[in-house]
Amino acid sequence: MPLNVQQLKTATFAELLADTHHTAVHLEMRDAYAVGDEKDDYAAFLRSGVPNLDPARS
């Protein structure tokens, strides 16, 4: 049964996931990677396998 607004506000992630009845997929692709000012971040990711998630470090 769908959750009402109050339940959505107080539900935990597990509760929301348990109430899921459909799936969704989002695939985003680029024509090119490591362009312009992204080149250093991309090279660091390839070396370490750790993405830079801090926009202040870019």
N, C-alpha and C. Protein backbone atom coordinates (compact mmCIF):
# COMPACT_ATOMS: atom_id res chain seq x y z
N MET A 1 0.84 -1.18 0.00
CA MET A 1 0.00 0.00 0.00
C MET A 1 0.89 1.24 0.00
N PRO A 2 0.61 2.22 -0.84
CA PRO A 2 1.43 3.44 -0.90
C PRO A 2 1.44 4.18 0.43
N LEU A 3 2.57 4.82 0.70
CA LEU A 3 2.71 5.60 1.93
C LEU A 3 2.07 6.97 1.75
N ASN A 4 1.49 7.50 2.85
CA ASN A 4 0.96 8.86 2.79
C ASN A 4 2.08 9.86 3.07
N VAL A 5 1.79 11.14 2.99
CA VAL A 5 2.81 12.18 3.12
C VAL A 5 3.51 12.10 4.47
N GLN A 6 2.77 11.93 5.55
CA GLN A 6 3.38 11.86 6.88
C GLN A 6 4.30 10.64 6.99
N GLN A 7 3.89 9.52 6.45
CA GLN A 7 4.73 8.33 6.48
C GLN A 7 6.00 8.54 5.67
N LEU A 8 5.89 9.23 4.54
CA LEU A 8 7.08 9.51 3.73
C LEU A 8 8.07 10.37 4.48
N LYS A 9 7.57 11.31 5.28
CA LYS A 9 8.45 12.21 6.02
C LYS A 9 9.20 11.49 7.13
N THR A 10 8.61 10.45 7.69
CA THR A 10 9.22 9.77 8.83
C THR A 10 9.77 8.38 8.50
N ALA A 11 9.58 7.93 7.28
CA ALA A 11 10.01 6.58 6.91
C ALA A 11 11.52 6.49 6.81
N THR A 12 12.04 5.34 7.20
CA THR A 12 13.47 5.07 7.01
C THR A 12 13.69 4.61 5.57
N PHE A 13 14.93 4.61 5.15
CA PHE A 13 15.25 4.14 3.81
C PHE A 13 14.78 2.70 3.62
N ALA A 14 14.99 1.86 4.62
CA ALA A 14 14.57 0.45 4.53
C ALA A 14 13.06 0.35 4.33
N GLU A 15 12.30 1.18 5.03
CA GLU A 15 10.85 1.16 4.88
C GLU A 15 10.44 1.61 3.48
N LEU A 16 11.09 2.65 2.99
CA LEU A 16 10.79 3.12 1.63
C LEU A 16 11.13 2.06 0.60
N LEU A 17 12.27 1.41 0.78
CA LEU A 17 12.69 0.37 -0.15
C LEU A 17 11.73 -0.82 -0.12
N ALA A 18 11.27 -1.18 1.08
CA ALA A 18 10.34 -2.31 1.21
C ALA A 18 9.02 -2.02 0.52
N ASP A 19 8.64 -0.74 0.41
CA ASP A 19 7.37 -0.36 -0.21
C ASP A 19 7.50 -0.16 -1.73
N THR A 20 8.66 -0.44 -2.28
CA THR A 20 8.90 -0.24 -3.71
C THR A 20 8.22 -1.34 -4.52
N HIS A 21 7.53 -0.92 -5.56
CA HIS A 21 6.81 -1.88 -6.41
C HIS A 21 7.26 -1.82 -7.87
N HIS A 22 8.15 -0.90 -8.19
CA HIS A 22 8.63 -0.75 -9.56
C HIS A 22 10.14 -0.56 -9.51
N THR A 23 10.78 -0.73 -10.64
CA THR A 23 12.21 -0.46 -10.74
C THR A 23 12.44 0.75 -11.63
N ALA A 24 13.57 1.36 -11.45
CA ALA A 24 13.95 2.50 -12.29
C ALA A 24 15.44 2.41 -12.58
N VAL A 25 15.81 2.79 -13.77
CA VAL A 25 17.21 2.77 -14.17
C VAL A 25 17.53 4.11 -14.82
N HIS A 26 18.67 4.65 -14.47
CA HIS A 26 19.15 5.89 -15.09
C HIS A 26 20.57 5.64 -15.56
N LEU A 27 20.80 5.76 -16.84
CA LEU A 27 22.13 5.57 -17.41
C LEU A 27 22.53 6.87 -18.09
N GLU A 28 23.62 7.43 -17.63
CA GLU A 28 24.11 8.67 -18.21
C GLU A 28 25.50 8.42 -18.79
N MET A 29 25.68 8.76 -20.04
CA MET A 29 26.96 8.52 -20.70
C MET A 29 27.44 9.81 -21.35
N ARG A 30 28.74 9.92 -21.51
CA ARG A 30 29.35 11.07 -22.18
C ARG A 30 30.00 10.62 -23.48
N ASP A 31 30.14 11.56 -24.39
CA ASP A 31 30.87 11.28 -25.63
C ASP A 31 32.36 11.20 -25.37
N ALA A 32 32.86 11.95 -24.37
CA ALA A 32 34.29 11.97 -24.05
C ALA A 32 34.48 12.21 -22.56
N TYR A 33 35.53 11.65 -22.01
CA TYR A 33 35.88 11.85 -20.61
C TYR A 33 37.22 12.57 -20.54
N ALA A 34 37.52 13.14 -19.39
CA ALA A 34 38.81 13.82 -19.16
C ALA A 34 39.00 14.98 -20.12
N VAL A 35 38.01 15.84 -20.19
CA VAL A 35 38.13 17.02 -21.05
C VAL A 35 38.41 18.25 -20.20
N GLY A 36 39.17 19.18 -20.75
CA GLY A 36 39.43 20.46 -20.09
C GLY A 36 39.95 20.33 -18.67
N ASP A 37 39.26 21.01 -17.76
CA ASP A 37 39.71 21.04 -16.37
C ASP A 37 39.44 19.74 -15.61
N GLU A 38 38.81 18.76 -16.24
CA GLU A 38 38.57 17.46 -15.60
C GLU A 38 39.74 16.51 -15.77
N LYS A 39 40.68 16.87 -16.61
CA LYS A 39 41.77 15.95 -16.99
C LYS A 39 42.57 15.45 -15.79
N ASP A 40 42.96 16.37 -14.88
CA ASP A 40 43.75 15.97 -13.71
C ASP A 40 42.96 15.07 -12.77
N ASP A 41 41.69 15.43 -12.52
CA ASP A 41 40.84 14.60 -11.65
C ASP A 41 40.65 13.20 -12.24
N TYR A 42 40.44 13.14 -13.55
CA TYR A 42 40.24 11.85 -14.20
C TYR A 42 41.50 10.99 -14.14
N ALA A 43 42.66 11.60 -14.35
CA ALA A 43 43.93 10.87 -14.27
C ALA A 43 44.15 10.35 -12.85
N ALA A 44 43.83 11.17 -11.84
CA ALA A 44 43.97 10.74 -10.45
C ALA A 44 43.03 9.58 -10.15
N PHE A 45 41.81 9.63 -10.70
CA PHE A 45 40.86 8.53 -10.51
C PHE A 45 41.38 7.24 -11.15
N LEU A 46 41.94 7.34 -12.34
CA LEU A 46 42.48 6.14 -13.00
C LEU A 46 43.62 5.53 -12.20
N ARG A 47 44.45 6.38 -11.57
CA ARG A 47 45.57 5.87 -10.76
C ARG A 47 45.09 5.23 -9.47
N SER A 48 44.16 5.90 -8.78
CA SER A 48 43.79 5.47 -7.42
C SER A 48 42.50 4.66 -7.36
N GLY A 49 41.61 4.84 -8.33
CA GLY A 49 40.31 4.19 -8.27
C GLY A 49 39.34 4.90 -7.34
N VAL A 50 39.75 6.04 -6.78
CA VAL A 50 38.92 6.80 -5.85
C VAL A 50 38.46 8.09 -6.54
N PRO A 51 37.14 8.29 -6.68
CA PRO A 51 36.67 9.50 -7.35
C PRO A 51 36.79 10.72 -6.45
N ASN A 52 37.00 11.87 -7.04
CA ASN A 52 37.00 13.14 -6.32
C ASN A 52 35.56 13.60 -6.20
N LEU A 53 34.98 13.50 -5.02
CA LEU A 53 33.58 13.88 -4.82
C LEU A 53 33.45 15.26 -4.20
N ASP A 54 34.57 15.94 -3.98
CA ASP A 54 34.58 17.27 -3.37
C ASP A 54 34.77 18.32 -4.45
N PRO A 55 33.70 19.06 -4.81
CA PRO A 55 33.84 20.04 -5.88
C PRO A 55 34.84 21.16 -5.56
N ALA A 56 35.12 21.39 -4.29
CA ALA A 56 36.09 22.42 -3.90
C ALA A 56 37.51 22.01 -4.27
N ARG A 57 37.76 20.70 -4.44
CA ARG A 57 39.11 20.21 -4.78
C ARG A 57 39.35 20.19 -6.28
N SER A 58 38.34 20.43 -7.06
CA SER A 58 38.49 20.36 -8.52
C SER A 58 39.19 21.58 -9.06
